[in-house]
Amino acid sequence: MIYAVDFDGTLVENLFPKIGAVRRGIFNFVKEKKAAGDTIILWTCREGKLLDEAVVFCKENGLTFDHVNDNTDGVKKTYKGNSRKIIADFYIDDKSLLIPKKKEAGTMKEIRTAEVRANAPAGTDGLIINGQPIIYDRPAVINSPAGQYTEIIRRGALDGADMSDCRLLFNHDLNRVPLARTPKTMQLTISPAGLNMAAQLPDTPEARSVHTAVSRGDLSGMSFAFKVPPGGDRWNGRTREILKIEKVYELSVVPFPAYPETSVEARSALAFVIKDERTATLIKCNQLLSNI
């Protein structure tokens, strides 16, 4: 979780521009969250020397910050830039305590990452790359903008999935000629272990460059896009089990595997799962801020 914490009136008594006495309850609460691995952002109107004094004061009292009036690297990457607005899961302030999680526009398509390799089977020639995009029953930690959870694609989830028009792209670029396409130049086969991919690349300069880069290990990432139908998954705490995949859209060889993208339905389910956690935290913070 990301906590954005005010200084004057919250961590300390409000004697701005001076620094008041520590408000021990909320101060210790934030220290506990920091020790538990949560991200703490100092979120204050202080600037320059006054800001430096606040940071030093907190450090002397055993509290350090991951960021000061600045967003996390993950937020910057997700939103492709840095905004003056601090993006957090919790905003702790003596004036108000909010969880302003804006509902995100989503898509039914989900994207995950896997590895790709180039090793032609014995007795074959040509530019062949292989991969195993989906491995059954293997837990994977998904760090998405919606939050972190564990995902497991269960054995049999691909039974009946539509893979009839799946294309292999480079870096998700739909404007380029596909490197391969099912069923003629790319085979997607379901095994007891999951989904296997074998693609025969064309003899073109771009395809040869991709194959060489994969062979050398310069390119090792592959993204795959799929769709989970309504009722095709279930949640147990922060673990999501995918029981049914309706369609595999595309595979892409990528220089930098992107953050996983989950569907709006998955984000909504995750939000419901962590609702109780947030509610408990809200109650505790409000009690501490109110000196109850």
Protein backbone atom coordinates (compact mmCIF):
# COMPACT_ATOMS: atom_id res chain seq x y z
CA MET A 1 0.00 0.00 0.00
CA ILE A 2 1.04 3.62 -0.59
CA TYR A 3 0.42 6.10 2.24
CA ALA A 4 0.62 9.86 1.65
CA VAL A 5 1.04 11.50 5.06
CA ASP A 6 0.72 15.16 6.00
CA PHE A 7 3.19 16.70 8.46
CA ASP A 8 1.82 19.73 10.32
CA GLY A 9 -1.23 18.79 12.34
CA THR A 10 -0.87 15.10 11.51
CA LEU A 11 2.56 13.71 12.36
CA VAL A 12 3.19 16.67 14.68
CA GLU A 13 1.08 19.32 16.41
CA ASN A 14 0.37 22.24 14.09
CA LEU A 15 2.70 25.09 15.05
CA PHE A 16 3.69 25.96 11.47
CA PRO A 17 6.25 27.25 10.54
CA LYS A 18 7.71 25.82 13.74
CA ILE A 19 7.62 22.07 14.35
CA GLY A 20 5.22 20.96 17.05
CA ALA A 21 5.40 17.98 19.34
CA VAL A 22 5.11 14.51 17.85
CA ARG A 23 1.58 13.12 17.70
CA ARG A 24 2.77 9.80 18.99
CA GLY A 25 -0.22 7.65 18.00
CA ILE A 26 -0.29 8.46 14.28
CA PHE A 27 3.52 8.81 14.15
CA ASN A 28 4.00 5.27 15.47
CA PHE A 29 1.25 3.97 13.19
CA VAL A 30 3.10 5.30 10.12
CA LYS A 31 6.38 3.85 11.42
CA GLU A 32 4.68 0.46 11.74
CA LYS A 33 3.44 0.65 8.15
CA LYS A 34 6.92 1.58 6.97
CA ALA A 35 8.43 -1.38 8.87
CA ALA A 36 5.80 -3.68 7.32
CA GLY A 37 7.01 -2.76 3.83
CA ASP A 38 4.40 -0.20 2.83
CA THR A 39 5.45 2.88 0.85
CA ILE A 40 5.37 6.15 2.80
CA ILE A 41 5.23 9.54 1.06
CA LEU A 42 5.58 12.80 2.98
CA TRP A 43 2.78 14.92 1.55
CA THR A 44 3.09 18.50 2.79
CA CYS A 45 2.87 22.13 1.74
CA ARG A 46 6.31 22.75 3.26
CA GLU A 47 9.04 23.76 0.82
CA GLY A 48 12.74 24.49 0.84
CA LYS A 49 14.35 24.85 4.29
CA LEU A 50 11.07 24.20 6.12
CA LEU A 51 10.64 20.94 4.22
CA ASP A 52 14.21 19.87 4.94
CA GLU A 53 13.65 20.55 8.64
CA ALA A 54 10.55 18.33 8.64
CA VAL A 55 12.37 15.45 6.92
CA VAL A 56 15.32 15.68 9.35
CA PHE A 57 12.96 15.89 12.34
CA CYS A 58 11.14 12.71 11.28
CA LYS A 59 14.41 10.88 10.64
CA GLU A 60 15.68 11.83 14.09
CA ASN A 61 12.49 10.33 15.50
CA GLY A 62 12.87 7.06 13.60
CA LEU A 63 10.71 7.72 10.51
CA THR A 64 12.15 7.92 7.01
CA PHE A 65 10.19 8.43 3.81
CA ASP A 66 10.32 6.60 0.49
CA HIS A 67 9.38 9.81 -1.32
CA VAL A 68 8.90 13.45 -0.38
CA ASN A 69 6.19 15.34 -2.26
CA ASP A 70 6.84 13.01 -5.17
CA ASN A 71 5.16 9.99 -6.74
CA THR A 72 6.59 6.47 -6.79
CA ASP A 73 8.48 5.21 -9.84
CA GLY A 74 5.68 2.72 -10.48
CA VAL A 75 3.07 5.48 -10.63
CA LYS A 76 5.26 7.55 -12.97
CA LYS A 77 5.67 4.58 -15.30
CA THR A 78 1.99 3.66 -15.19
CA TYR A 79 0.83 7.17 -16.04
CA LYS A 80 3.81 7.92 -18.31
CA GLY A 81 4.92 10.96 -16.37
CA ASN A 82 4.80 12.69 -13.02
CA SER A 83 1.93 14.84 -11.85
CA ARG A 84 1.86 17.38 -9.04
CA LYS A 85 -0.91 15.24 -7.58
CA ILE A 86 0.36 12.48 -5.31
CA ILE A 87 -1.21 9.10 -6.15
CA ALA A 88 -1.68 6.90 -3.09
CA ASP A 89 -3.98 4.30 -1.57
CA PHE A 90 -4.40 6.30 1.65
CA TYR A 91 -4.16 10.03 2.36
CA ILE A 92 -3.63 10.71 6.06
CA ASP A 93 -4.33 14.32 7.01
CA ASP A 94 -5.73 16.09 10.05
CA LYS A 95 -8.34 17.78 7.86
CA SER A 96 -9.61 14.67 6.13
CA LEU A 97 -8.84 11.02 5.46
CA LEU A 98 -9.66 9.82 1.99
CA ILE A 99 -9.25 6.91 -0.40
CA PRO A 100 -9.73 8.72 -3.71
CA LYS A 101 -9.11 5.77 -5.98
CA LYS A 102 -10.44 6.95 -9.29
CA LYS A 103 -12.18 4.21 -11.22
CA GLU A 104 -9.98 3.28 -14.13
CA ALA A 105 -11.18 2.76 -17.65
CA GLY A 106 -10.37 -0.84 -18.42
CA THR A 107 -10.48 -3.44 -21.10
CA MET A 108 -11.53 -7.05 -21.19
CA LYS A 109 -8.09 -7.90 -22.63
CA GLU A 110 -5.44 -8.88 -20.08
CA ILE A 111 -1.69 -8.92 -20.69
CA ARG A 112 0.95 -11.05 -18.97
CA THR A 113 4.63 -11.74 -19.62
CA ALA A 114 6.63 -14.91 -20.28
CA GLU A 115 9.96 -15.97 -21.79
CA VAL A 116 10.77 -16.65 -25.41
CA ARG A 117 13.69 -18.59 -26.90
CA ALA A 118 15.09 -19.56 -30.29
CA ASN A 119 16.01 -23.21 -30.73
CA ALA A 120 14.83 -25.06 -33.79
CA PRO A 121 13.84 -28.71 -33.27
CA ALA A 122 16.23 -31.31 -34.64
CA GLY A 123 15.90 -31.84 -38.38
CA THR A 124 14.31 -28.45 -39.08
CA ASP A 125 15.65 -25.30 -40.66
CA GLY A 126 14.53 -21.73 -40.57
CA LEU A 127 13.85 -18.96 -38.10
CA ILE A 128 11.93 -20.68 -35.31
CA ILE A 129 11.22 -19.29 -31.88
CA ASN A 130 9.52 -21.09 -29.02
CA GLY A 131 7.88 -20.17 -25.76
CA GLN A 132 5.50 -21.34 -23.09
CA PRO A 133 3.20 -18.36 -22.54
CA ILE A 134 0.93 -20.07 -20.01
CA ILE A 135 2.00 -22.53 -17.33
CA TYR A 136 -0.76 -24.19 -15.36
CA ASP A 137 -0.93 -24.16 -11.56
CA ARG A 138 2.11 -21.93 -11.11
CA PRO A 139 1.52 -19.01 -8.73
CA ALA A 140 2.62 -15.64 -10.10
CA VAL A 141 2.67 -12.32 -8.29
CA ILE A 142 0.89 -9.68 -10.35
CA ASN A 143 1.92 -6.09 -9.61
CA SER A 144 -0.70 -4.04 -11.42
CA PRO A 145 -1.86 -0.45 -10.88
CA ALA A 146 -4.89 -1.94 -9.15
CA GLY A 147 -2.73 -3.58 -6.47
CA GLN A 148 -0.69 -6.71 -5.87
CA TYR A 149 -2.15 -10.20 -5.84
CA THR A 150 -1.25 -13.79 -6.62
CA GLU A 151 -2.63 -15.33 -9.80
CA ILE A 152 -2.87 -19.01 -10.72
CA ILE A 153 -4.08 -20.25 -14.10
CA ARG A 154 -5.61 -23.61 -13.33
CA ARG A 155 -5.14 -26.74 -15.40
CA GLY A 156 -7.83 -26.95 -18.09
CA ALA A 157 -8.37 -23.19 -18.28
CA LEU A 158 -7.51 -23.25 -21.99
CA ASP A 159 -9.95 -26.02 -22.89
CA GLY A 160 -12.12 -24.67 -25.69
CA ALA A 161 -10.26 -21.34 -25.89
CA ASP A 162 -10.36 -19.52 -29.23
CA MET A 163 -6.81 -19.41 -30.62
CA SER A 164 -7.81 -19.54 -34.29
CA ASP A 165 -6.56 -16.08 -35.29
CA CYS A 166 -3.63 -15.32 -33.00
CA ARG A 167 -0.71 -13.29 -34.33
CA LEU A 168 2.89 -12.94 -33.24
CA LEU A 169 3.95 -9.29 -33.24
CA PHE A 170 7.01 -7.31 -32.32
CA ASN A 171 6.38 -4.95 -29.41
CA HIS A 172 2.59 -5.03 -29.93
CA ASP A 173 2.98 -3.02 -33.15
CA LEU A 174 -0.14 -3.65 -35.23
CA ASN A 175 1.21 -1.45 -38.03
CA ARG A 176 3.95 -3.94 -38.88
CA VAL A 177 3.55 -7.18 -40.77
CA PRO A 178 3.04 -9.99 -38.19
CA LEU A 179 6.01 -12.25 -37.58
CA ALA A 180 3.70 -15.27 -37.61
CA ARG A 181 0.04 -16.21 -37.40
CA THR A 182 -2.03 -19.22 -36.46
CA PRO A 183 -2.55 -21.77 -37.81
CA LYS A 184 -0.09 -21.74 -40.75
CA THR A 185 3.10 -20.21 -39.36
CA MET A 186 2.47 -20.37 -35.62
CA GLN A 187 1.28 -23.37 -33.65
CA LEU A 188 -0.28 -23.02 -30.24
CA THR A 189 -0.66 -26.39 -28.53
CA ILE A 190 -2.17 -27.21 -25.19
CA SER A 191 -0.26 -29.69 -23.04
CA PRO A 192 -0.86 -30.94 -19.49
CA ALA A 193 1.60 -28.22 -18.40
CA GLY A 194 -0.01 -25.30 -20.22
CA LEU A 195 0.27 -23.52 -23.58
CA ASN A 196 3.23 -24.02 -25.92
CA MET A 197 4.11 -21.76 -28.84
CA ALA A 198 6.27 -22.50 -31.90
CA ALA A 199 6.52 -19.86 -34.62
CA GLN A 200 8.19 -19.98 -38.03
CA LEU A 201 9.38 -16.46 -38.81
CA PRO A 202 9.58 -15.16 -42.39
CA ASP A 203 12.92 -14.67 -44.10
CA THR A 204 12.89 -10.88 -43.85
CA PRO A 205 15.45 -8.45 -42.39
CA GLU A 206 13.22 -7.61 -39.44
CA ALA A 207 12.40 -11.24 -38.65
CA ARG A 208 16.06 -12.23 -38.89
CA SER A 209 16.95 -9.40 -36.50
CA VAL A 210 14.32 -10.58 -34.02
CA HIS A 211 15.46 -14.21 -34.27
CA THR A 212 19.12 -13.25 -33.81
CA ALA A 213 18.30 -11.08 -30.80
CA VAL A 214 16.29 -13.89 -29.22
CA SER A 215 19.08 -16.40 -29.93
CA ARG A 216 21.64 -14.12 -28.26
CA GLY A 217 19.37 -13.46 -25.31
CA ASP A 218 19.08 -9.76 -26.13
CA LEU A 219 15.33 -10.30 -26.41
CA SER A 220 13.91 -12.72 -23.88
CA GLY A 221 10.52 -11.29 -23.02
CA MET A 222 7.18 -12.14 -24.53
CA SER A 223 3.79 -10.64 -23.74
CA PHE A 224 0.57 -12.51 -24.36
CA ALA A 225 -2.95 -11.14 -24.35
CA PHE A 226 -6.02 -13.13 -23.38
CA LYS A 227 -9.62 -12.77 -22.20
CA VAL A 228 -11.28 -14.24 -19.12
CA PRO A 229 -15.07 -14.54 -19.53
CA PRO A 230 -17.55 -13.60 -16.78
CA GLY A 231 -17.41 -16.29 -14.11
CA GLY A 232 -14.08 -17.54 -15.45
CA ASP A 233 -12.18 -16.75 -12.27
CA ARG A 234 -12.59 -16.84 -8.52
CA TRP A 235 -10.93 -15.08 -5.60
CA ASN A 236 -9.68 -16.45 -2.30
CA GLY A 237 -8.35 -13.49 -0.37
CA ARG A 238 -5.66 -11.95 -2.56
CA THR A 239 -5.30 -15.04 -4.72
CA ARG A 240 -7.03 -15.10 -8.09
CA GLU A 241 -7.61 -18.44 -9.76
CA ILE A 242 -8.29 -18.32 -13.51
CA LEU A 243 -10.51 -21.26 -14.37
CA LYS A 244 -11.40 -20.34 -17.96
CA ILE A 245 -9.69 -18.41 -20.75
CA GLU A 246 -12.08 -17.54 -23.55
CA LYS A 247 -9.65 -16.22 -26.17
CA VAL A 248 -5.92 -15.74 -26.78
CA TYR A 249 -5.57 -12.56 -28.84
CA GLU A 250 -1.88 -12.11 -29.59
CA LEU A 251 1.70 -12.81 -28.60
CA SER A 252 4.44 -10.20 -28.83
CA VAL A 253 8.20 -10.36 -28.59
CA VAL A 254 9.06 -7.29 -26.52
CA PRO A 255 12.29 -5.47 -25.55
CA PHE A 256 10.86 -4.51 -22.16
CA PRO A 257 8.00 -6.59 -20.79
CA ALA A 258 5.28 -4.22 -19.62
CA TYR A 259 3.44 -4.18 -16.33
CA PRO A 260 0.69 -6.77 -16.35
CA GLU A 261 -2.67 -5.34 -17.35
CA THR A 262 -5.79 -6.78 -15.78
CA SER A 263 -9.38 -6.39 -16.87
CA VAL A 264 -11.69 -3.90 -15.22
CA GLU A 265 -13.59 -6.87 -13.77
CA ALA A 266 -10.43 -8.19 -12.11
CA ARG A 267 -9.60 -4.75 -10.72
CA SER A 268 -13.12 -4.43 -9.31
CA ALA A 269 -12.86 -7.85 -7.68
CA LEU A 270 -9.49 -6.96 -6.17
CA ALA A 271 -10.90 -3.71 -4.82
CA PHE A 272 -13.67 -5.68 -3.11
CA VAL A 273 -11.13 -8.10 -1.62
CA ILE A 274 -9.08 -5.32 -0.01
CA LYS A 275 -12.08 -3.26 1.07
CA ASP A 276 -12.09 -4.77 4.55
CA GLU A 277 -8.36 -4.11 4.94
CA ARG A 278 -8.81 -0.46 4.01
CA THR A 279 -11.85 -0.04 6.22
CA ALA A 280 -9.92 -1.33 9.23
CA THR A 281 -7.04 1.02 8.45
CA LEU A 282 -9.39 3.98 8.04
CA ILE A 283 -11.00 3.35 11.41
CA LYS A 284 -7.64 3.09 13.15
CA CYS A 285 -6.27 6.26 11.51
CA ASN A 286 -9.40 8.23 12.33
CA GLN A 287 -9.19 7.10 15.95
CA LEU A 288 -5.55 8.13 16.19
CA LEU A 289 -6.15 11.50 14.54
CA SER A 290 -9.09 12.12 16.85
CA ASN A 291 -7.04 11.09 19.89
CA ILE A 292 -9.64 8.43 20.79
